[in-house]
C-alpha cells in the first residue's frame, strides 16, 4: 500500500474536515501529489495539488476553501477543507499529480466526505 487516506466524515454545510494521506513507504516525498474526488455518477477530478517544492494549485470550485499541505517528516499529505458545501460530497483520494507524473499509485479506498444538513 502506497497511500492510505483518512479523515472523512459527515458534516453540515459550512463545516470543516481535515483529510490525511499517509504514506508508510514514504513515496509521497518523491512525487508531486494531489487530492482527487469522485462524486456519485461523476468522473474523478483533481481538486488540489502540491509540488515537491510546495507550490500548490487548486481547482476553481475549492479555491479559498481548501488548503493542501505536506509534512515530509511524517510523509503525509493533508487537505484542510473549510466552508464545506453539499457539492463537495464525494470520495476523496490522494495520488501522484496527473499534471506532472504519468505514473499513478494503486488507488486506495479513499475517504468518504458527506456534506448534508
C-alpha atoms as a PDB file:
ATOM      1  CA  UNK A   1       0.000   0.000   0.000  1.00  0.00           C
ATOM      2  CA  UNK A   2       1.486   3.286  -1.090  1.00  0.00           C
ATOM      3  CA  UNK A   3      -1.057   5.651   0.456  1.00  0.00           C
ATOM      4  CA  UNK A   4      -3.847   5.444   2.995  1.00  0.00           C
ATOM      5  CA  UNK A   5      -6.500   8.159   3.111  1.00  0.00           C
ATOM      6  CA  UNK A   6      -8.421   9.053   6.259  1.00  0.00           C
ATOM      7  CA  UNK A   7     -10.309  11.860   7.957  1.00  0.00           C
ATOM      8  CA  UNK A   8     -13.587  11.875   6.074  1.00  0.00           C
ATOM      9  CA  UNK A   9     -16.996  12.005   7.686  1.00  0.00           C
ATOM     10  CA  UNK A  10     -20.422  13.596   7.780  1.00  0.00           C
ATOM     11  CA  UNK A  11     -20.545  17.357   8.292  1.00  0.00           C
ATOM     12  CA  UNK A  12     -23.133  20.089   7.997  1.00  0.00           C
ATOM     13  CA  UNK A  13     -22.798  22.742   5.302  1.00  0.00           C
ATOM     14  CA  UNK A  14     -20.244  25.305   6.408  1.00  0.00           C
ATOM     15  CA  UNK A  15     -18.322  22.740   8.413  1.00  0.00           C
ATOM     16  CA  UNK A  16     -14.694  21.657   8.150  1.00  0.00           C
ATOM     17  CA  UNK A  17     -12.711  18.461   7.797  1.00  0.00           C
ATOM     18  CA  UNK A  18      -9.034  17.644   7.555  1.00  0.00           C
ATOM     19  CA  UNK A  19      -8.092  14.718   5.357  1.00  0.00           C
ATOM     20  CA  UNK A  20      -4.808  12.855   5.717  1.00  0.00           C
ATOM     21  CA  UNK A  21      -2.874  10.814   3.187  1.00  0.00           C
ATOM     22  CA  UNK A  22      -0.334   8.667   4.985  1.00  0.00           C
ATOM     23  CA  UNK A  23       2.480   7.007   3.102  1.00  0.00           C
ATOM     24  CA  UNK A  24       4.048   4.109   5.036  1.00  0.00           C
ATOM     25  CA  UNK A  25       6.649   3.658   2.319  1.00  0.00           C
ATOM     26  CA  UNK A  26       7.247   7.447   2.274  1.00  0.00           C
ATOM     27  CA  UNK A  27       6.861   7.547  -1.508  1.00  0.00           C
ATOM     28  CA  UNK A  28       4.851  10.777  -1.336  1.00  0.00           C
ATOM     29  CA  UNK A  29       8.097  12.579  -0.574  1.00  0.00           C
ATOM     30  CA  UNK A  30       9.353  11.821  -4.073  1.00  0.00           C
ATOM     31  CA  UNK A  31       6.368  12.959  -6.134  1.00  0.00           C
ATOM     32  CA  UNK A  32       4.144  15.923  -6.764  1.00  0.00           C
ATOM     33  CA  UNK A  33       0.927  14.868  -5.050  1.00  0.00           C
ATOM     34  CA  UNK A  34      -2.733  15.663  -5.471  1.00  0.00           C
ATOM     35  CA  UNK A  35      -6.082  15.136  -3.848  1.00  0.00           C
ATOM     36  CA  UNK A  36      -8.800  13.847  -6.138  1.00  0.00           C
ATOM     37  CA  UNK A  37     -12.504  13.316  -5.566  1.00  0.00           C
ATOM     38  CA  UNK A  38     -15.227  11.305  -7.227  1.00  0.00           C
ATOM     39  CA  UNK A  39     -18.872  12.082  -6.650  1.00  0.00           C
ATOM     40  CA  UNK A  40     -21.602   9.550  -7.480  1.00  0.00           C
ATOM     41  CA  UNK A  41     -22.129   9.357 -11.209  1.00  0.00           C
ATOM     42  CA  UNK A  42     -19.227  11.676 -11.972  1.00  0.00           C
ATOM     43  CA  UNK A  43     -15.666  11.252 -13.127  1.00  0.00           C
ATOM     44  CA  UNK A  44     -12.806  11.547 -10.695  1.00  0.00           C
ATOM     45  CA  UNK A  45     -11.356  15.068 -10.661  1.00  0.00           C
ATOM     46  CA  UNK A  46      -8.271  16.662  -9.195  1.00  0.00           C
ATOM     47  CA  UNK A  47      -9.103  19.310  -6.598  1.00  0.00           C
ATOM     48  CA  UNK A  48      -5.697  20.295  -5.207  1.00  0.00           C
ATOM     49  CA  UNK A  49      -2.062  19.540  -5.893  1.00  0.00           C
ATOM     50  CA  UNK A  50       1.274  20.262  -4.281  1.00  0.00           C
ATOM     51  CA  UNK A  51       4.675  20.102  -5.928  1.00  0.00           C
ATOM     52  CA  UNK A  52       7.800  18.731  -4.307  1.00  0.00           C
ATOM     53  CA  UNK A  53       8.764  22.359  -3.694  1.00  0.00           C
ATOM     54  CA  UNK A  54       5.451  23.098  -2.003  1.00  0.00           C
ATOM     55  CA  UNK A  55       3.746  25.029  -4.783  1.00  0.00           C
ATOM     56  CA  UNK A  56       0.005  24.493  -4.724  1.00  0.00           C
ATOM     57  CA  UNK A  57      -2.731  24.525  -7.362  1.00  0.00           C
ATOM     58  CA  UNK A  58      -6.487  24.338  -6.788  1.00  0.00           C
ATOM     59  CA  UNK A  59      -9.486  23.788  -8.966  1.00  0.00           C
ATOM     60  CA  UNK A  60     -11.690  26.864  -9.085  1.00  0.00           C
ATOM     61  CA  UNK A  61     -14.544  25.363  -7.085  1.00  0.00           C
ATOM     62  CA  UNK A  62     -12.385  24.919  -3.958  1.00  0.00           C
ATOM     63  CA  UNK A  63     -10.123  27.982  -4.136  1.00  0.00           C
ATOM     64  CA  UNK A  64     -10.171  29.888  -0.882  1.00  0.00           C
ATOM     65  CA  UNK A  65     -11.815  26.984   0.968  1.00  0.00           C
ATOM     66  CA  UNK A  66      -9.378  24.067   0.675  1.00  0.00           C
ATOM     67  CA  UNK A  67      -5.691  24.011   1.569  1.00  0.00           C
ATOM     68  CA  UNK A  68      -3.287  21.240   0.600  1.00  0.00           C
ATOM     69  CA  UNK A  69      -0.094  20.770   2.592  1.00  0.00           C
ATOM     70  CA  UNK A  70       2.590  18.201   3.136  1.00  0.00           C
ATOM     71  CA  UNK A  71       4.700  17.101   6.107  1.00  0.00           C
ATOM     72  CA  UNK A  72       7.799  15.479   4.672  1.00  0.00           C
ATOM     73  CA  UNK A  73       8.914  14.289   8.084  1.00  0.00           C
ATOM     74  CA  UNK A  74       5.860  12.105   8.502  1.00  0.00           C
ATOM     75  CA  UNK A  75       5.393  11.601   4.748  1.00  0.00           C
ATOM     76  CA  UNK A  76       1.787  12.758   4.999  1.00  0.00           C
ATOM     77  CA  UNK A  77      -0.244  14.948   2.681  1.00  0.00           C
ATOM     78  CA  UNK A  78      -3.162  16.878   4.138  1.00  0.00           C
ATOM     79  CA  UNK A  79      -6.258  18.547   2.761  1.00  0.00           C
ATOM     80  CA  UNK A  80      -7.876  21.088   5.049  1.00  0.00           C
ATOM     81  CA  UNK A  81     -11.421  21.678   3.869  1.00  0.00           C
ATOM     82  CA  UNK A  82     -13.392  24.638   5.192  1.00  0.00           C
ATOM     83  CA  UNK A  83     -16.816  26.032   4.395  1.00  0.00           C
ATOM     84  CA  UNK A  84     -17.869  22.678   3.015  1.00  0.00           C
ATOM     85  CA  UNK A  85     -20.840  22.577   0.688  1.00  0.00           C
ATOM     86  CA  UNK A  86     -23.139  19.718  -0.357  1.00  0.00           C
ATOM     87  CA  UNK A  87     -21.452  19.640  -3.772  1.00  0.00           C
ATOM     88  CA  UNK A  88     -18.201  18.689  -2.027  1.00  0.00           C
ATOM     89  CA  UNK A  89     -19.733  15.324  -1.185  1.00  0.00           C
ATOM     90  CA  UNK A  90     -17.531  12.649  -2.734  1.00  0.00           C
ATOM     91  CA  UNK A  91     -14.942  10.002  -2.049  1.00  0.00           C
ATOM     92  CA  UNK A  92     -11.563  11.682  -1.737  1.00  0.00           C
ATOM     93  CA  UNK A  93      -8.334  10.049  -2.839  1.00  0.00           C
ATOM     94  CA  UNK A  94      -4.694  11.052  -2.896  1.00  0.00           C
ATOM     95  CA  UNK A  95      -2.254  10.068  -5.607  1.00  0.00           C
ATOM     96  CA  UNK A  96       0.511  11.469  -7.766  1.00  0.00           C
ATOM     97  CA  UNK A  97      -0.310  14.687  -9.593  1.00  0.00           C
ATOM     98  CA  UNK A  98      -1.568  13.732 -13.045  1.00  0.00           C
ATOM     99  CA  UNK A  99      -0.294  17.040 -14.441  1.00  0.00           C
ATOM    100  CA  UNK A 100       3.281  16.087 -13.552  1.00  0.00           C
ATOM    101  CA  UNK A 101       3.540  12.314 -13.461  1.00  0.00           C
ATOM    102  CA  UNK A 102       2.299   9.591 -15.773  1.00  0.00           C
ATOM    103  CA  UNK A 103       2.749   7.025 -13.001  1.00  0.00           C
ATOM    104  CA  UNK A 104      -0.069   6.608 -10.542  1.00  0.00           C
ATOM    105  CA  UNK A 105      -0.020   4.617  -7.308  1.00  0.00           C
ATOM    106  CA  UNK A 106      -2.570   1.860  -6.970  1.00  0.00           C
ATOM    107  CA  UNK A 107      -5.709   3.736  -5.947  1.00  0.00           C
ATOM    108  CA  UNK A 108      -6.636   3.306  -2.315  1.00  0.00           C
ATOM    109  CA  UNK A 109     -10.136   3.047  -0.884  1.00  0.00           C
ATOM    110  CA  UNK A 110     -10.300   6.772  -0.355  1.00  0.00           C
ATOM    111  CA  UNK A 111     -12.214   8.510   2.403  1.00  0.00           C
ATOM    112  CA  UNK A 112     -15.897   9.457   2.175  1.00  0.00           C
ATOM    113  CA  UNK A 113     -16.878  13.077   2.718  1.00  0.00           C
ATOM    114  CA  UNK A 114     -20.582  13.782   3.054  1.00  0.00           C
ATOM    115  CA  UNK A 115     -21.887  17.315   3.464  1.00  0.00           C
ATOM    116  CA  UNK A 116     -25.537  17.372   4.405  1.00  0.00           C
ATOM    117  CA  UNK A 117     -27.919  19.153   6.701  1.00  0.00           C
END
